[in-house]
Amino acid sequence: MTYCVAIKTDNGLVFASDSLTNAGTDHVSTYSKMHTFVQPGNRMFVLLSSGNLATTQAVVKRLRDDCRLGNLPCLSSVNSMSEAVDYVGHLSTEVQRAQASRDTANTNFEATFIFGGQIAGQMPEMYLIYPQGNYIHESAAHPFLQIGETKYGKPILDRVIRTDTPLEQAARCALVSINSTIRSNLTVGPPVELLIYAADSLDGGRRLLLSEDHPYYRALGDAWNEGLRQALNNLPQFEWENQTQPLQIVAAPGNDGQMR
């Protein structure tokens, strides 16, 4: 399983992903699910991947090969983010068809991606690309996208993330979202990758690789756990908790008139 999240704020984009790949108890390994494509000063793209590993690796290789060989279209030649996401979606379905045509075991070759970035002179954007190649973008009410095991990390995003959230605070929220998912699902695991991209910088952004024992990652998890405990302790009490007299419990009479 996988968990990846991307957040769009007024000041830029945040991308975060786990690295655990699980194909059964005997096939557990780690692979990066975050891939960057950067032309400094001109364009910057990030691809987060979830699904069949053979498909995602083949898609990433084709994206890089097309750029290197000058094939058209490619991420170096597209003129807009919508053109770029169309290209990635088409390439994903093409790779899935090629993989399936060689398969004799009814393997699921589907893959889902989050694709985001910026081209010079345009606004930063991000999209969720489905296995069928179609895609959606984030909404103003919920300016984030998730793929993989989304349910454990979504509540914190729903409550905190807005378009005016400071970029570094959004990044910490993304890490907490992944940390919560890792604690609840053993198929999602570290190291965690984080990329913080400031709008209009057109560079590779700030990228961190956080192992389970990384001092910052441990401090973040500990602080979040303690914050939750304090928040629970500070919740409003039930009205009877402040009463000085013992709570009177009246039993309902039984059919024979006896108190039970």
C-alpha atoms as a PDB file:
ATOM      1  CA  MET A   1       0.000   0.000   0.000  1.00  0.00           C
ATOM      2  CA  THR A   2       1.000   3.617  -0.454  1.00  0.00           C
ATOM      3  CA  TYR A   3       0.133   7.000   0.960  1.00  0.00           C
ATOM      4  CA  CYS A   4       0.961  10.207  -0.884  1.00  0.00           C
ATOM      5  CA  VAL A   5      -0.411  13.690  -0.326  1.00  0.00           C
ATOM      6  CA  ALA A   6      -0.040  17.016  -2.118  1.00  0.00           C
ATOM      7  CA  ILE A   7      -1.156  20.407  -0.808  1.00  0.00           C
ATOM      8  CA  LYS A   8      -1.623  23.665  -2.706  1.00  0.00           C
ATOM      9  CA  THR A   9      -1.466  26.952  -0.826  1.00  0.00           C
ATOM     10  CA  ASP A  10      -1.283  30.584  -1.881  1.00  0.00           C
ATOM     11  CA  ASN A  11       2.496  30.416  -1.461  1.00  0.00           C
ATOM     12  CA  GLY A  12       3.350  27.156  -3.195  1.00  0.00           C
ATOM     13  CA  LEU A  13       3.030  23.383  -3.188  1.00  0.00           C
ATOM     14  CA  VAL A  14       3.846  20.605  -0.732  1.00  0.00           C
ATOM     15  CA  PHE A  15       4.379  16.970  -1.694  1.00  0.00           C
ATOM     16  CA  ALA A  16       4.889  14.053   0.714  1.00  0.00           C
ATOM     17  CA  SER A  17       5.038  10.280   0.306  1.00  0.00           C
ATOM     18  CA  ASP A  18       5.954   7.114   2.117  1.00  0.00           C
ATOM     19  CA  SER A  19       8.434   4.656   0.575  1.00  0.00           C
ATOM     20  CA  LEU A  20       7.219   1.185   1.573  1.00  0.00           C
ATOM     21  CA  THR A  21       6.340  -1.230  -1.217  1.00  0.00           C
ATOM     22  CA  ASN A  22       4.473  -4.367  -0.184  1.00  0.00           C
ATOM     23  CA  ALA A  23       3.801  -7.233  -2.568  1.00  0.00           C
ATOM     24  CA  GLY A  24       3.160  -9.785   0.191  1.00  0.00           C
ATOM     25  CA  THR A  25       4.905 -10.718   3.416  1.00  0.00           C
ATOM     26  CA  ASP A  26       7.950 -12.031   1.553  1.00  0.00           C
ATOM     27  CA  HIS A  27       8.269  -9.038  -0.783  1.00  0.00           C
ATOM     28  CA  VAL A  28       8.566  -5.882   1.305  1.00  0.00           C
ATOM     29  CA  SER A  29      10.991  -3.216   0.147  1.00  0.00           C
ATOM     30  CA  THR A  30      11.382   0.540  -0.182  1.00  0.00           C
ATOM     31  CA  TYR A  31      11.171   2.565  -3.375  1.00  0.00           C
ATOM     32  CA  SER A  32      10.870   6.306  -3.847  1.00  0.00           C
ATOM     33  CA  LYS A  33       7.379   7.331  -4.901  1.00  0.00           C
ATOM     34  CA  MET A  34       8.367  10.962  -5.488  1.00  0.00           C
ATOM     35  CA  HIS A  35       9.902  11.905  -8.833  1.00  0.00           C
ATOM     36  CA  THR A  36      10.979  15.405  -9.892  1.00  0.00           C
ATOM     37  CA  PHE A  37      11.549  16.930 -13.322  1.00  0.00           C
ATOM     38  CA  VAL A  38      13.222  20.334 -13.169  1.00  0.00           C
ATOM     39  CA  GLN A  39      14.488  22.880 -15.685  1.00  0.00           C
ATOM     40  CA  PRO A  40      15.737  25.640 -13.344  1.00  0.00           C
ATOM     41  CA  GLY A  41      14.156  28.979 -14.114  1.00  0.00           C
ATOM     42  CA  ASN A  42      11.746  27.451 -16.634  1.00  0.00           C
ATOM     43  CA  ARG A  43       9.633  24.651 -15.183  1.00  0.00           C
ATOM     44  CA  MET A  44       9.366  22.250 -12.290  1.00  0.00           C
ATOM     45  CA  PHE A  45       7.198  19.115 -12.037  1.00  0.00           C
ATOM     46  CA  VAL A  46       6.637  16.529  -9.295  1.00  0.00           C
ATOM     47  CA  LEU A  47       5.056  13.106  -9.779  1.00  0.00           C
ATOM     48  CA  LEU A  48       3.803  11.029  -6.826  1.00  0.00           C
ATOM     49  CA  SER A  49       2.956   7.415  -7.659  1.00  0.00           C
ATOM     50  CA  SER A  50       0.721   4.685  -6.291  1.00  0.00           C
ATOM     51  CA  GLY A  51      -0.210   1.276  -7.647  1.00  0.00           C
ATOM     52  CA  ASN A  52       1.604  -1.396  -9.618  1.00  0.00           C
ATOM     53  CA  LEU A  53       5.351  -0.846  -9.241  1.00  0.00           C
ATOM     54  CA  ALA A  54       6.178  -2.083 -12.746  1.00  0.00           C
ATOM     55  CA  THR A  55       3.729   0.440 -14.205  1.00  0.00           C
ATOM     56  CA  THR A  56       4.899   3.395 -12.132  1.00  0.00           C
ATOM     57  CA  GLN A  57       8.562   2.699 -12.850  1.00  0.00           C
ATOM     58  CA  ALA A  58       7.873   2.330 -16.569  1.00  0.00           C
ATOM     59  CA  VAL A  59       5.937   5.618 -16.638  1.00  0.00           C
ATOM     60  CA  VAL A  60       8.743   7.484 -14.872  1.00  0.00           C
ATOM     61  CA  LYS A  61      11.341   5.985 -17.227  1.00  0.00           C
ATOM     62  CA  ARG A  62       9.320   6.991 -20.298  1.00  0.00           C
ATOM     63  CA  LEU A  63       8.931  10.531 -18.971  1.00  0.00           C
ATOM     64  CA  ARG A  64      12.688  10.837 -18.494  1.00  0.00           C
ATOM     65  CA  ASP A  65      13.540   9.130 -21.787  1.00  0.00           C
ATOM     66  CA  ASP A  66      11.193  11.383 -23.755  1.00  0.00           C
ATOM     67  CA  CYS A  67      12.907  14.438 -22.288  1.00  0.00           C
ATOM     68  CA  ARG A  68      16.384  13.044 -22.873  1.00  0.00           C
ATOM     69  CA  LEU A  69      15.702  11.977 -26.462  1.00  0.00           C
ATOM     70  CA  GLY A  70      13.678  15.049 -27.385  1.00  0.00           C
ATOM     71  CA  ASN A  71      10.538  13.084 -28.200  1.00  0.00           C
ATOM     72  CA  LEU A  72       7.344  15.087 -28.619  1.00  0.00           C
ATOM     73  CA  PRO A  73       5.427  15.630 -26.531  1.00  0.00           C
ATOM     74  CA  CYS A  74       7.568  15.610 -23.410  1.00  0.00           C
ATOM     75  CA  LEU A  75       7.693  17.521 -20.154  1.00  0.00           C
ATOM     76  CA  SER A  76      10.321  19.819 -21.652  1.00  0.00           C
ATOM     77  CA  SER A  77       8.078  20.814 -24.555  1.00  0.00           C
ATOM     78  CA  VAL A  78       4.568  21.199 -23.091  1.00  0.00           C
ATOM     79  CA  ASN A  79       3.236  24.736 -22.953  1.00  0.00           C
ATOM     80  CA  SER A  80       0.848  24.428 -20.002  1.00  0.00           C
ATOM     81  CA  MET A  81       0.100  22.297 -16.963  1.00  0.00           C
ATOM     82  CA  SER A  82      -3.068  20.963 -18.589  1.00  0.00           C
ATOM     83  CA  GLU A  83      -1.019  19.858 -21.598  1.00  0.00           C
ATOM     84  CA  ALA A  84       1.480  18.228 -19.251  1.00  0.00           C
ATOM     85  CA  VAL A  85      -1.136  16.285 -17.276  1.00  0.00           C
ATOM     86  CA  ASP A  86      -2.796  15.152 -20.522  1.00  0.00           C
ATOM     87  CA  TYR A  87       0.557  13.771 -21.640  1.00  0.00           C
ATOM     88  CA  VAL A  88       1.201  11.947 -18.349  1.00  0.00           C
ATOM     89  CA  GLY A  89      -2.323  10.475 -18.287  1.00  0.00           C
ATOM     90  CA  HIS A  90      -2.015   9.237 -21.877  1.00  0.00           C
ATOM     91  CA  LEU A  91       1.403   7.741 -21.166  1.00  0.00           C
ATOM     92  CA  SER A  92       0.099   5.937 -18.072  1.00  0.00           C
ATOM     93  CA  THR A  93      -2.718   4.215 -19.963  1.00  0.00           C
ATOM     94  CA  GLU A  94      -0.336   3.294 -22.771  1.00  0.00           C
ATOM     95  CA  VAL A  95       2.071   1.635 -20.327  1.00  0.00           C
ATOM     96  CA  GLN A  96      -0.770  -0.222 -18.580  1.00  0.00           C
ATOM     97  CA  ARG A  97      -2.001  -1.634 -21.899  1.00  0.00           C
ATOM     98  CA  ALA A  98       1.507  -2.760 -22.825  1.00  0.00           C
ATOM     99  CA  GLN A  99       2.001  -4.444 -19.439  1.00  0.00           C
ATOM    100  CA  ALA A 100      -1.378  -6.195 -19.603  1.00  0.00           C
ATOM    101  CA  SER A 101      -0.771  -7.490 -23.139  1.00  0.00           C
ATOM    102  CA  ARG A 102       2.166  -9.569 -21.867  1.00  0.00           C
ATOM    103  CA  ASP A 103       0.402 -10.819 -18.727  1.00  0.00           C
ATOM    104  CA  THR A 104      -0.977 -14.343 -18.292  1.00  0.00           C
ATOM    105  CA  ALA A 105      -1.892 -14.153 -14.586  1.00  0.00           C
ATOM    106  CA  ASN A 106      -4.638 -11.501 -14.517  1.00  0.00           C
ATOM    107  CA  THR A 107      -2.318  -9.057 -12.764  1.00  0.00           C
ATOM    108  CA  ASN A 108      -3.632  -5.616 -11.896  1.00  0.00           C
ATOM    109  CA  PHE A 109      -1.326  -3.102 -13.597  1.00  0.00           C
ATOM    110  CA  GLU A 110      -3.291   0.007 -12.613  1.00  0.00           C
ATOM    111  CA  ALA A 111      -1.476   3.066 -11.273  1.00  0.00           C
ATOM    112  CA  THR A 112      -2.629   6.381  -9.851  1.00  0.00           C
ATOM    113  CA  PHE A 113      -0.570   9.569  -9.779  1.00  0.00           C
ATOM    114  CA  ILE A 114      -0.501  13.050  -8.328  1.00  0.00           C
ATOM    115  CA  PHE A 115       1.145  15.441 -10.767  1.00  0.00           C
ATOM    116  CA  GLY A 116       1.948  19.030  -9.907  1.00  0.00           C
ATOM    117  CA  GLY A 117       4.326  21.874 -10.521  1.00  0.00           C
ATOM    118  CA  GLN A 118       4.713  25.130 -12.362  1.00  0.00           C
ATOM    119  CA  ILE A 119       5.744  26.513 -15.747  1.00  0.00           C
ATOM    120  CA  ALA A 120       7.300  29.979 -15.910  1.00  0.00           C
ATOM    121  CA  GLY A 121       4.680  32.695 -16.246  1.00  0.00           C
ATOM    122  CA  GLN A 122       1.853  30.428 -15.079  1.00  0.00           C
ATOM    123  CA  MET A 123       0.332  29.543 -11.711  1.00  0.00           C
ATOM    124  CA  PRO A 124       1.326  26.396  -9.785  1.00  0.00           C
ATOM    125  CA  GLU A 125      -1.166  23.569 -10.282  1.00  0.00           C
ATOM    126  CA  MET A 126      -1.656  19.960  -9.233  1.00  0.00           C
ATOM    127  CA  TYR A 127      -3.809  17.081 -10.441  1.00  0.00           C
ATOM    128  CA  LEU A 128      -4.845  13.563  -9.449  1.00  0.00           C
ATOM    129  CA  ILE A 129      -4.516  11.201 -12.435  1.00  0.00           C
ATOM    130  CA  TYR A 130      -6.704   8.087 -12.354  1.00  0.00           C
ATOM    131  CA  PRO A 131      -5.679   4.730 -13.893  1.00  0.00           C
ATOM    132  CA  GLN A 132      -7.944   5.468 -16.872  1.00  0.00           C
ATOM    133  CA  GLY A 133      -5.862   8.574 -17.658  1.00  0.00           C
ATOM    134  CA  ASN A 134      -8.525  11.128 -16.717  1.00  0.00           C
ATOM    135  CA  TYR A 135      -7.797  13.580 -13.933  1.00  0.00           C
ATOM    136  CA  ILE A 136      -9.120  16.136 -11.461  1.00  0.00           C
ATOM    137  CA  HIS A 137      -7.593  19.091  -9.627  1.00  0.00           C
ATOM    138  CA  GLU A 138      -7.985  20.131  -5.998  1.00  0.00           C
ATOM    139  CA  SER A 139     -10.884  22.287  -4.829  1.00  0.00           C
ATOM    140  CA  ALA A 140     -10.720  25.636  -3.059  1.00  0.00           C
ATOM    141  CA  ALA A 141     -12.552  24.140  -0.065  1.00  0.00           C
ATOM    142  CA  HIS A 142     -10.119  21.210   0.179  1.00  0.00           C
ATOM    143  CA  PRO A 143      -6.828  22.289  -1.431  1.00  0.00           C
ATOM    144  CA  PHE A 144      -5.131  18.904  -1.183  1.00  0.00           C
ATOM    145  CA  LEU A 145      -5.011  15.596  -3.053  1.00  0.00           C
ATOM    146  CA  GLN A 146      -4.322  12.077  -1.741  1.00  0.00           C
ATOM    147  CA  ILE A 147      -3.633   8.670  -3.264  1.00  0.00           C
ATOM    148  CA  GLY A 148      -3.257   5.246  -1.690  1.00  0.00           C
ATOM    149  CA  GLU A 149      -4.337   4.653   1.908  1.00  0.00           C
ATOM    150  CA  THR A 150      -6.064   7.995   2.387  1.00  0.00           C
ATOM    151  CA  LYS A 151      -8.539   7.570   5.240  1.00  0.00           C
ATOM    152  CA  TYR A 152      -6.197   7.778   8.242  1.00  0.00           C
ATOM    153  CA  GLY A 153      -4.450  10.959   7.147  1.00  0.00           C
ATOM    154  CA  LYS A 154      -7.473  12.838   5.833  1.00  0.00           C
ATOM    155  CA  PRO A 155      -9.046  14.146   9.111  1.00  0.00           C
ATOM    156  CA  ILE A 156      -6.090  16.384   9.980  1.00  0.00           C
ATOM    157  CA  LEU A 157      -6.031  17.784   6.433  1.00  0.00           C
ATOM    158  CA  ASP A 158      -9.773  18.465   6.491  1.00  0.00           C
ATOM    159  CA  ARG A 159      -9.519  20.394   9.754  1.00  0.00           C
ATOM    160  CA  VAL A 160      -6.342  22.382   9.137  1.00  0.00           C
ATOM    161  CA  ILE A 161      -5.493  22.939   5.485  1.00  0.00           C
ATOM    162  CA  ARG A 162      -6.750  26.075   3.730  1.00  0.00           C
ATOM    163  CA  THR A 163      -5.383  28.013   0.793  1.00  0.00           C
ATOM    164  CA  ASP A 164      -3.928  30.660   3.153  1.00  0.00           C
ATOM    165  CA  THR A 165      -2.113  28.108   5.334  1.00  0.00           C
ATOM    166  CA  PRO A 166       1.605  29.033   5.535  1.00  0.00           C
ATOM    167  CA  LEU A 167       3.722  26.765   3.356  1.00  0.00           C
ATOM    168  CA  GLU A 168       5.882  25.310   6.143  1.00  0.00           C
ATOM    169  CA  GLN A 169       2.826  24.724   8.332  1.00  0.00           C
ATOM    170  CA  ALA A 170       1.185  22.864   5.439  1.00  0.00           C
ATOM    171  CA  ALA A 171       4.344  20.760   5.162  1.00  0.00           C
ATOM    172  CA  ARG A 172       4.200  19.857   8.853  1.00  0.00           C
ATOM    173  CA  CYS A 173       0.543  18.952   8.426  1.00  0.00           C
ATOM    174  CA  ALA A 174       1.449  16.659   5.520  1.00  0.00           C
ATOM    175  CA  LEU A 175       4.039  14.903   7.691  1.00  0.00           C
ATOM    176  CA  VAL A 176       1.543  14.471  10.534  1.00  0.00           C
ATOM    177  CA  SER A 177      -0.947  13.057   8.027  1.00  0.00           C
ATOM    178  CA  ILE A 178       1.606  10.480   6.904  1.00  0.00           C
ATOM    179  CA  ASN A 179       2.727   9.762  10.469  1.00  0.00           C
ATOM    180  CA  SER A 180      -0.874   9.039  11.496  1.00  0.00           C
ATOM    181  CA  THR A 181      -1.300   6.724   8.516  1.00  0.00           C
ATOM    182  CA  ILE A 182       1.893   4.820   9.314  1.00  0.00           C
ATOM    183  CA  ARG A 183       0.734   4.276  12.915  1.00  0.00           C
ATOM    184  CA  SER A 184      -2.606   2.867  11.710  1.00  0.00           C
ATOM    185  CA  ASN A 185      -1.547   0.833   8.665  1.00  0.00           C
ATOM    186  CA  LEU A 186       1.511  -1.408   8.601  1.00  0.00           C
ATOM    187  CA  THR A 187       1.605  -1.438   4.791  1.00  0.00           C
ATOM    188  CA  VAL A 188       2.569   2.262   4.781  1.00  0.00           C
ATOM    189  CA  GLY A 189       6.025   3.019   6.089  1.00  0.00           C
ATOM    190  CA  PRO A 190       9.143   5.194   6.173  1.00  0.00           C
ATOM    191  CA  PRO A 191      11.357   6.666   4.970  1.00  0.00           C
ATOM    192  CA  VAL A 192       9.097   9.635   4.303  1.00  0.00           C
ATOM    193  CA  GLU A 193       9.910  12.053   1.494  1.00  0.00           C
ATOM    194  CA  LEU A 194       8.888  15.706   1.696  1.00  0.00           C
ATOM    195  CA  LEU A 195       9.224  18.433  -0.923  1.00  0.00           C
ATOM    196  CA  ILE A 196       8.324  22.082  -0.301  1.00  0.00           C
ATOM    197  CA  TYR A 197       8.077  24.222  -3.423  1.00  0.00           C
ATOM    198  CA  ALA A 198       7.750  28.004  -3.147  1.00  0.00           C
ATOM    199  CA  ALA A 199       5.637  29.522  -5.925  1.00  0.00           C
ATOM    200  CA  ASP A 200       7.612  31.115  -8.795  1.00  0.00           C
ATOM    201  CA  SER A 201      10.945  29.765  -7.541  1.00  0.00           C
ATOM    202  CA  LEU A 202      11.134  27.351 -10.514  1.00  0.00           C
ATOM    203  CA  ASP A 203      13.726  25.205  -8.773  1.00  0.00           C
ATOM    204  CA  GLY A 204      13.810  21.801  -7.104  1.00  0.00           C
ATOM    205  CA  GLY A 205      12.418  23.122  -3.835  1.00  0.00           C
ATOM    206  CA  ARG A 206      13.436  21.947  -0.382  1.00  0.00           C
ATOM    207  CA  ARG A 207      13.488  18.150  -0.265  1.00  0.00           C
ATOM    208  CA  LEU A 208      13.859  16.016   2.859  1.00  0.00           C
ATOM    209  CA  LEU A 209      14.221  12.267   3.364  1.00  0.00           C
ATOM    210  CA  LEU A 210      13.068  11.340   6.872  1.00  0.00           C
ATOM    211  CA  SER A 211      13.777   7.906   8.295  1.00  0.00           C
ATOM    212  CA  GLU A 212      11.866   6.540  11.274  1.00  0.00           C
ATOM    213  CA  ASP A 213      14.784   7.516  13.530  1.00  0.00           C
ATOM    214  CA  HIS A 214      15.398  10.948  12.015  1.00  0.00           C
ATOM    215  CA  PRO A 215      15.529  13.432  14.944  1.00  0.00           C
ATOM    216  CA  TYR A 216      13.069  15.864  13.337  1.00  0.00           C
ATOM    217  CA  TYR A 217      10.591  13.145  12.369  1.00  0.00           C
ATOM    218  CA  ARG A 218      10.684  11.671  15.882  1.00  0.00           C
ATOM    219  CA  ALA A 219      10.278  15.101  17.493  1.00  0.00           C
ATOM    220  CA  LEU A 220       7.339  15.879  15.202  1.00  0.00           C
ATOM    221  CA  GLY A 221       5.590  12.610  16.081  1.00  0.00           C
ATOM    222  CA  ASP A 222       6.183  13.065  19.806  1.00  0.00           C
ATOM    223  CA  ALA A 223       4.916  16.655  19.721  1.00  0.00           C
ATOM    224  CA  TRP A 224       1.779  15.615  17.821  1.00  0.00           C
ATOM    225  CA  ASN A 225       1.033  12.802  20.293  1.00  0.00           C
ATOM    226  CA  GLU A 226       1.473  15.129  23.260  1.00  0.00           C
ATOM    227  CA  GLY A 227      -0.648  17.797  21.585  1.00  0.00           C
ATOM    228  CA  LEU A 228      -3.487  15.314  21.090  1.00  0.00           C
ATOM    229  CA  ARG A 229      -3.337  14.291  24.748  1.00  0.00           C
ATOM    230  CA  GLN A 230      -3.463  17.926  25.854  1.00  0.00           C
ATOM    231  CA  ALA A 231      -6.334  18.658  23.484  1.00  0.00           C
ATOM    232  CA  LEU A 232      -8.268  15.699  24.906  1.00  0.00           C
ATOM    233  CA  ASN A 233      -7.646  16.900  28.459  1.00  0.00           C
ATOM    234  CA  ASN A 234      -8.872  20.387  27.534  1.00  0.00           C
ATOM    235  CA  LEU A 235     -12.167  19.277  25.992  1.00  0.00           C
ATOM    236  CA  PRO A 236     -15.308  20.587  27.758  1.00  0.00           C
ATOM    237  CA  GLN A 237     -16.386  18.367  30.643  1.00  0.00           C
ATOM    238  CA  PHE A 238     -19.813  16.796  31.046  1.00  0.00           C
ATOM    239  CA  GLU A 239     -22.020  18.871  33.324  1.00  0.00           C
ATOM    240  CA  TRP A 240     -22.057  16.249  36.079  1.00  0.00           C
ATOM    241  CA  GLU A 241     -18.242  16.236  36.334  1.00  0.00           C
ATOM    242  CA  ASN A 242     -18.408  19.631  38.066  1.00  0.00           C
ATOM    243  CA  GLN A 243     -21.123  18.659  40.548  1.00  0.00           C
ATOM    244  CA  THR A 244     -20.197  18.470  44.223  1.00  0.00           C
ATOM    245  CA  GLN A 245     -22.966  15.983  45.071  1.00  0.00           C
ATOM    246  CA  PRO A 246     -22.666  12.320  44.017  1.00  0.00           C
ATOM    247  CA  LEU A 247     -24.572  11.448  40.873  1.00  0.00           C
ATOM    248  CA  GLN A 248     -27.912   9.787  41.729  1.00  0.00           C
ATOM    249  CA  ILE A 249     -28.662   6.732  39.593  1.00  0.00           C
ATOM    250  CA  VAL A 250     -32.294   5.598  39.537  1.00  0.00           C
ATOM    251  CA  ALA A 251     -32.954   2.070  38.327  1.00  0.00           C
ATOM    252  CA  ALA A 252     -35.978   1.297  36.152  1.00  0.00           C
ATOM    253  CA  PRO A 253     -38.550  -1.028  37.789  1.00  0.00           C
ATOM    254  CA  GLY A 254     -38.921  -4.551  36.456  1.00  0.00           C
ATOM    255  CA  ASN A 255     -42.173  -6.220  35.534  1.00  0.00           C
ATOM    256  CA  ASP A 256     -42.568  -7.543  39.084  1.00  0.00           C
ATOM    257  CA  GLY A 257     -42.181  -4.075  40.622  1.00  0.00           C
ATOM    258  CA  GLN A 258     -38.668  -4.869  41.920  1.00  0.00           C
ATOM    259  CA  MET A 259     -35.813  -2.521  41.258  1.00  0.00           C
ATOM    260  CA  ARG A 260     -33.229  -4.101  38.953  1.00  0.00           C
END
